[in-house]
């Protein structure tokens, strides 16, 4: 329980510590004539895109590794075939996370420049 409180306090410190930088960036965008609401939406979508784009492949990879370990424990003779199949599946799952990262980079570097 003590760790939970420490983690929450650390999160609060990080949020309050970064709020001044956010307000300064908004004032700078307003003074430069940029549309800060659109920029905020792009940055929020970028953060959520990476986070949500990594959750699915992360859960899938965890399940794949768990299943392969259980299979190897039950039948050690199949360890080579299971390892090969698992690594191929992990590579395909990782590609999904990389696609999300590419879309986030497009949001940040192609579309955000138009509003700055």
N, C-alpha and C. Protein backbone atom coordinates (compact mmCIF):
# COMPACT_ATOMS: atom_id res chain seq x y z
N UNK A 1 0.82 -1.19 0.00
CA UNK A 1 0.00 0.00 0.00
C UNK A 1 0.86 1.25 0.00
N UNK A 2 2.00 1.15 0.68
CA UNK A 2 2.90 2.29 0.75
C UNK A 2 3.48 2.60 -0.63
N UNK A 3 3.75 1.57 -1.42
CA UNK A 3 4.26 1.77 -2.78
C UNK A 3 3.24 2.48 -3.65
N UNK A 4 1.98 2.14 -3.48
CA UNK A 4 0.92 2.78 -4.25
C UNK A 4 0.88 4.27 -3.95
N UNK A 5 0.96 4.62 -2.67
CA UNK A 5 0.96 6.04 -2.29
C UNK A 5 2.18 6.76 -2.85
N UNK A 6 3.33 6.11 -2.81
CA UNK A 6 4.54 6.73 -3.35
C UNK A 6 4.44 6.91 -4.86
N UNK A 7 3.87 5.93 -5.54
CA UNK A 7 3.71 6.05 -6.98
C UNK A 7 2.74 7.17 -7.33
N UNK A 8 1.64 7.27 -6.60
CA UNK A 8 0.68 8.35 -6.84
C UNK A 8 1.28 9.71 -6.55
N UNK A 9 2.05 9.82 -5.50
CA UNK A 9 2.69 11.10 -5.19
C UNK A 9 3.71 11.47 -6.26
N UNK A 10 4.44 10.49 -6.75
CA UNK A 10 5.39 10.75 -7.83
C UNK A 10 4.69 11.22 -9.09
N UNK A 11 3.53 10.63 -9.40
CA UNK A 11 2.75 11.05 -10.55
C UNK A 11 2.25 12.48 -10.38
N UNK A 12 1.80 12.82 -9.19
CA UNK A 12 1.33 14.17 -8.93
C UNK A 12 2.47 15.18 -9.08
N UNK A 13 3.64 14.84 -8.57
CA UNK A 13 4.79 15.74 -8.68
C UNK A 13 5.16 15.94 -10.15
N UNK A 14 5.14 14.87 -10.93
CA UNK A 14 5.48 14.98 -12.35
C UNK A 14 4.44 15.84 -13.07
N UNK A 15 3.17 15.62 -12.79
CA UNK A 15 2.13 16.40 -13.45
C UNK A 15 2.22 17.88 -13.10
N UNK A 16 2.39 18.19 -11.83
CA UNK A 16 2.47 19.58 -11.45
C UNK A 16 3.78 20.21 -11.90
N UNK A 17 4.83 19.43 -11.96
CA UNK A 17 6.11 19.97 -12.42
C UNK A 17 6.11 20.28 -13.90
N UNK A 18 5.34 19.53 -14.69
CA UNK A 18 5.32 19.77 -16.13
C UNK A 18 4.26 20.77 -16.54
N UNK A 19 3.38 21.17 -15.63
CA UNK A 19 2.30 22.07 -16.01
C UNK A 19 2.82 23.45 -16.40
N UNK A 20 3.88 23.93 -15.77
CA UNK A 20 4.41 25.25 -16.13
C UNK A 20 4.96 25.24 -17.55
N UNK A 21 5.58 24.14 -17.96
CA UNK A 21 6.09 24.05 -19.33
C UNK A 21 4.95 24.04 -20.34
N UNK A 22 3.84 23.42 -19.98
CA UNK A 22 2.69 23.38 -20.88
C UNK A 22 2.10 24.77 -21.04
N UNK A 23 1.95 25.50 -19.94
CA UNK A 23 1.41 26.86 -20.03
C UNK A 23 2.35 27.77 -20.81
N UNK A 24 3.65 27.61 -20.62
CA UNK A 24 4.60 28.44 -21.37
C UNK A 24 4.54 28.12 -22.86
N UNK A 25 4.39 26.87 -23.21
CA UNK A 25 4.29 26.50 -24.61
C UNK A 25 3.01 27.04 -25.23
N UNK A 26 1.93 27.05 -24.46
CA UNK A 26 0.67 27.58 -24.98
C UNK A 26 0.77 29.08 -25.21
N UNK A 27 1.39 29.79 -24.28
CA UNK A 27 1.56 31.23 -24.46
C UNK A 27 2.46 31.53 -25.65
N UNK A 28 3.49 30.72 -25.85
CA UNK A 28 4.38 30.93 -26.99
C UNK A 28 3.65 30.66 -28.29
N UNK A 29 2.79 29.64 -28.32
CA UNK A 29 2.03 29.34 -29.53
C UNK A 29 1.02 30.45 -29.82
N UNK A 30 0.40 31.00 -28.79
CA UNK A 30 -0.56 32.09 -28.99
C UNK A 30 0.13 33.34 -29.51
N UNK A 31 1.30 33.64 -28.96
CA UNK A 31 2.01 34.84 -29.40
C UNK A 31 2.57 34.69 -30.80
N UNK A 32 2.86 33.46 -31.22
CA UNK A 32 3.37 33.23 -32.56
C UNK A 32 2.26 33.12 -33.59
N UNK A 33 1.02 33.17 -33.15
CA UNK A 33 -0.11 33.09 -34.07
C UNK A 33 -0.53 31.68 -34.39
N UNK A 34 0.02 30.68 -33.72
CA UNK A 34 -0.34 29.30 -33.97
C UNK A 34 -1.65 28.93 -33.30
N UNK A 35 -2.26 27.89 -33.76
CA UNK A 35 -3.52 27.42 -33.19
C UNK A 35 -3.19 26.39 -32.12
N UNK A 36 -3.18 26.82 -30.87
CA UNK A 36 -2.72 25.94 -29.80
C UNK A 36 -3.69 24.81 -29.52
N UNK A 37 -4.98 24.98 -29.82
CA UNK A 37 -5.94 23.91 -29.58
C UNK A 37 -5.68 22.74 -30.53
N UNK A 38 -5.38 23.05 -31.78
CA UNK A 38 -5.08 21.99 -32.75
C UNK A 38 -3.77 21.30 -32.38
N UNK A 39 -2.78 22.08 -31.97
CA UNK A 39 -1.51 21.49 -31.56
C UNK A 39 -1.70 20.60 -30.34
N UNK A 40 -2.51 21.04 -29.40
CA UNK A 40 -2.76 20.22 -28.21
C UNK A 40 -3.44 18.92 -28.59
N UNK A 41 -4.37 18.98 -29.54
CA UNK A 41 -5.06 17.76 -29.98
C UNK A 41 -4.09 16.82 -30.68
N UNK A 42 -3.17 17.38 -31.48
CA UNK A 42 -2.19 16.54 -32.18
C UNK A 42 -1.26 15.87 -31.17
N UNK A 43 -0.80 16.62 -30.19
CA UNK A 43 0.11 16.04 -29.19
C UNK A 43 -0.61 15.02 -28.32
N UNK A 44 -1.85 15.28 -27.97
CA UNK A 44 -2.62 14.32 -27.18
C UNK A 44 -2.87 13.05 -27.97
N UNK A 45 -3.22 13.20 -29.25
CA UNK A 45 -3.44 12.02 -30.09
C UNK A 45 -2.15 11.24 -30.27
N UNK A 46 -1.02 11.92 -30.34
CA UNK A 46 0.26 11.23 -30.48
C UNK A 46 0.57 10.39 -29.25
N UNK A 47 0.38 10.98 -28.09
CA UNK A 47 0.64 10.24 -26.85
C UNK A 47 -0.29 9.06 -26.68
N UNK A 48 -1.57 9.28 -26.94
CA UNK A 48 -2.53 8.18 -26.83
C UNK A 48 -2.28 7.12 -27.89
N UNK A 49 -1.86 7.55 -29.09
CA UNK A 49 -1.60 6.60 -30.16
C UNK A 49 -0.47 5.64 -29.82
N UNK A 50 0.60 6.18 -29.26
CA UNK A 50 1.71 5.30 -28.87
C UNK A 50 1.30 4.39 -27.73
N UNK A 51 0.61 4.95 -26.74
CA UNK A 51 0.20 4.15 -25.59
C UNK A 51 -0.76 3.04 -25.96
N UNK A 52 -1.80 3.39 -26.69
CA UNK A 52 -2.79 2.39 -27.07
C UNK A 52 -2.24 1.44 -28.15
N UNK A 53 -1.35 1.95 -28.98
CA UNK A 53 -0.76 1.10 -30.01
C UNK A 53 0.22 0.09 -29.44
N UNK A 54 0.70 0.30 -28.24
CA UNK A 54 1.63 -0.63 -27.62
C UNK A 54 0.95 -1.61 -26.67
N UNK A 55 -0.27 -1.29 -26.23
CA UNK A 55 -0.95 -2.17 -25.28
C UNK A 55 -1.30 -3.51 -25.92
N UNK A 56 -1.92 -3.46 -27.10
CA UNK A 56 -2.36 -4.70 -27.75
C UNK A 56 -1.21 -5.65 -28.07
N UNK A 57 -0.17 -5.16 -28.79
CA UNK A 57 0.95 -6.06 -29.04
C UNK A 57 1.66 -6.51 -27.77
N UNK A 58 1.71 -5.68 -26.75
CA UNK A 58 2.34 -6.08 -25.49
C UNK A 58 1.61 -7.23 -24.83
N UNK A 59 0.29 -7.14 -24.80
CA UNK A 59 -0.51 -8.23 -24.21
C UNK A 59 -0.38 -9.49 -25.06
N UNK A 60 -0.44 -9.32 -26.38
CA UNK A 60 -0.31 -10.48 -27.27
C UNK A 60 1.03 -11.16 -27.16
N UNK A 61 2.09 -10.37 -27.05
CA UNK A 61 3.42 -10.96 -26.92
C UNK A 61 3.57 -11.68 -25.59
N UNK A 62 3.01 -11.12 -24.55
CA UNK A 62 3.06 -11.79 -23.25
C UNK A 62 2.34 -13.13 -23.29
N UNK A 63 1.17 -13.15 -23.92
CA UNK A 63 0.43 -14.41 -24.04
C UNK A 63 1.17 -15.42 -24.90
N UNK A 64 1.81 -14.95 -25.97
CA UNK A 64 2.54 -15.87 -26.85
C UNK A 64 3.73 -16.49 -26.13
N UNK A 65 4.47 -15.69 -25.41
CA UNK A 65 5.63 -16.21 -24.69
C UNK A 65 5.18 -17.18 -23.59
N UNK A 66 4.10 -16.82 -22.90
CA UNK A 66 3.59 -17.71 -21.86
C UNK A 66 3.17 -19.06 -22.44
N UNK A 67 2.46 -19.02 -23.58
CA UNK A 67 2.03 -20.26 -24.21
C UNK A 67 3.21 -21.10 -24.69
N UNK A 68 4.22 -20.42 -25.25
CA UNK A 68 5.39 -21.16 -25.71
C UNK A 68 6.15 -21.78 -24.54
N UNK A 69 6.27 -21.06 -23.44
CA UNK A 69 6.95 -21.62 -22.26
C UNK A 69 6.19 -22.80 -21.69
N UNK A 70 4.85 -22.71 -21.67
CA UNK A 70 4.06 -23.83 -21.19
C UNK A 70 4.21 -25.04 -22.11
N UNK A 71 4.23 -24.77 -23.44
CA UNK A 71 4.42 -25.87 -24.39
C UNK A 71 5.77 -26.53 -24.27
N UNK A 72 6.81 -25.72 -24.04
CA UNK A 72 8.15 -26.28 -23.88
C UNK A 72 8.26 -27.07 -22.58
N UNK A 73 7.55 -26.63 -21.56
CA UNK A 73 7.59 -27.36 -20.29
C UNK A 73 6.88 -28.71 -20.42
N UNK A 74 5.83 -28.76 -21.21
CA UNK A 74 5.10 -30.02 -21.37
C UNK A 74 5.81 -30.99 -22.30
N UNK A 75 6.43 -30.43 -23.36
CA UNK A 75 7.08 -31.28 -24.35
C UNK A 75 8.40 -30.64 -24.75
N UNK A 76 9.49 -30.95 -24.03
CA UNK A 76 10.78 -30.31 -24.33
C UNK A 76 11.32 -30.63 -25.72
N UNK A 77 10.87 -31.69 -26.33
CA UNK A 77 11.35 -32.05 -27.66
C UNK A 77 10.87 -31.09 -28.74
N UNK A 78 9.80 -30.37 -28.48
CA UNK A 78 9.25 -29.42 -29.45
C UNK A 78 9.77 -28.01 -29.24
N UNK A 79 10.78 -27.85 -28.41
CA UNK A 79 11.25 -26.50 -28.06
C UNK A 79 11.72 -25.73 -29.28
N UNK A 80 12.41 -26.36 -30.20
CA UNK A 80 12.92 -25.67 -31.39
C UNK A 80 11.82 -25.14 -32.28
N UNK A 81 10.82 -25.99 -32.58
CA UNK A 81 9.70 -25.57 -33.42
C UNK A 81 8.87 -24.50 -32.73
N UNK A 82 8.65 -24.66 -31.42
CA UNK A 82 7.88 -23.67 -30.68
C UNK A 82 8.60 -22.32 -30.66
N UNK A 83 9.91 -22.35 -30.48
CA UNK A 83 10.69 -21.11 -30.42
C UNK A 83 10.63 -20.38 -31.76
N UNK A 84 10.77 -21.13 -32.86
CA UNK A 84 10.73 -20.52 -34.19
C UNK A 84 9.37 -19.89 -34.47
N UNK A 85 8.32 -20.61 -34.17
CA UNK A 85 6.98 -20.11 -34.40
C UNK A 85 6.68 -18.91 -33.50
N UNK A 86 7.12 -18.98 -32.25
CA UNK A 86 6.89 -17.87 -31.33
C UNK A 86 7.61 -16.61 -31.80
N UNK A 87 8.86 -16.74 -32.22
CA UNK A 87 9.62 -15.57 -32.66
C UNK A 87 9.02 -14.95 -33.92
N UNK A 88 8.50 -15.76 -34.83
CA UNK A 88 7.84 -15.24 -36.01
C UNK A 88 6.57 -14.47 -35.62
N UNK A 89 5.80 -15.04 -34.71
CA UNK A 89 4.60 -14.35 -34.23
C UNK A 89 4.92 -13.06 -33.49
N UNK A 90 5.99 -13.06 -32.70
CA UNK A 90 6.38 -11.85 -31.99
C UNK A 90 6.80 -10.75 -32.96
N UNK A 91 7.48 -11.13 -34.03
CA UNK A 91 7.88 -10.13 -35.03
C UNK A 91 6.67 -9.51 -35.70
N UNK A 92 5.67 -10.31 -36.00
CA UNK A 92 4.45 -9.78 -36.62
C UNK A 92 3.71 -8.87 -35.65
N UNK A 93 3.65 -9.25 -34.38
CA UNK A 93 2.99 -8.40 -33.38
C UNK A 93 3.74 -7.10 -33.18
N UNK A 94 5.05 -7.17 -33.21
CA UNK A 94 5.85 -5.95 -33.03
C UNK A 94 5.66 -4.99 -34.19
N UNK A 95 5.38 -5.53 -35.37
CA UNK A 95 5.12 -4.67 -36.53
C UNK A 95 3.90 -3.79 -36.29
N UNK A 96 2.90 -4.30 -35.57
CA UNK A 96 1.72 -3.48 -35.27
C UNK A 96 2.08 -2.28 -34.42
N UNK A 97 2.94 -2.47 -33.45
CA UNK A 97 3.36 -1.35 -32.61
C UNK A 97 4.20 -0.36 -33.42
N UNK A 98 4.99 -0.85 -34.36
CA UNK A 98 5.79 0.05 -35.19
C UNK A 98 4.89 0.85 -36.12
N UNK A 99 3.82 0.26 -36.62
CA UNK A 99 2.87 1.01 -37.46
C UNK A 99 2.26 2.16 -36.66
N UNK A 100 1.91 1.91 -35.42
CA UNK A 100 1.37 2.98 -34.57
C UNK A 100 2.40 4.08 -34.36
N UNK A 101 3.65 3.70 -34.17
CA UNK A 101 4.71 4.69 -33.99
C UNK A 101 4.92 5.52 -35.26
N UNK A 102 4.83 4.90 -36.43
CA UNK A 102 4.97 5.64 -37.68
C UNK A 102 3.84 6.65 -37.84
N UNK A 103 2.63 6.28 -37.49
CA UNK A 103 1.50 7.20 -37.58
C UNK A 103 1.69 8.36 -36.62
N UNK A 104 2.21 8.09 -35.44
CA UNK A 104 2.47 9.15 -34.47
C UNK A 104 3.54 10.10 -35.00
N UNK A 105 4.58 9.58 -35.60
CA UNK A 105 5.61 10.44 -36.18
C UNK A 105 5.03 11.29 -37.32
N UNK A 106 4.12 10.72 -38.09
CA UNK A 106 3.47 11.51 -39.14
C UNK A 106 2.67 12.65 -38.53
N UNK A 107 1.95 12.36 -37.46
CA UNK A 107 1.18 13.42 -36.79
C UNK A 107 2.10 14.53 -36.30
N UNK A 108 3.19 14.13 -35.68
CA UNK A 108 4.07 15.12 -35.07
C UNK A 108 4.87 15.92 -36.10
N UNK A 109 5.42 15.27 -37.09
CA UNK A 109 6.36 15.95 -37.97
C UNK A 109 5.74 16.45 -39.27
N UNK A 110 4.60 15.91 -39.69
CA UNK A 110 3.99 16.39 -40.92
C UNK A 110 2.86 17.37 -40.64
N UNK A 111 1.99 17.04 -39.68
CA UNK A 111 0.81 17.86 -39.48
C UNK A 111 1.02 18.96 -38.45
N UNK A 112 1.85 18.71 -37.45
CA UNK A 112 2.05 19.73 -36.42
C UNK A 112 2.80 20.94 -36.96
N UNK A 113 3.66 20.74 -37.97
CA UNK A 113 4.40 21.87 -38.55
C UNK A 113 3.48 22.87 -39.24
N UNK A 114 2.34 22.41 -39.73
CA UNK A 114 1.41 23.32 -40.41
C UNK A 114 0.74 24.29 -39.46
N UNK A 115 0.68 23.94 -38.18
CA UNK A 115 -0.01 24.79 -37.22
C UNK A 115 0.93 25.54 -36.30
N UNK A 116 2.23 25.42 -36.52
CA UNK A 116 3.19 26.15 -35.69
C UNK A 116 3.58 27.44 -36.34
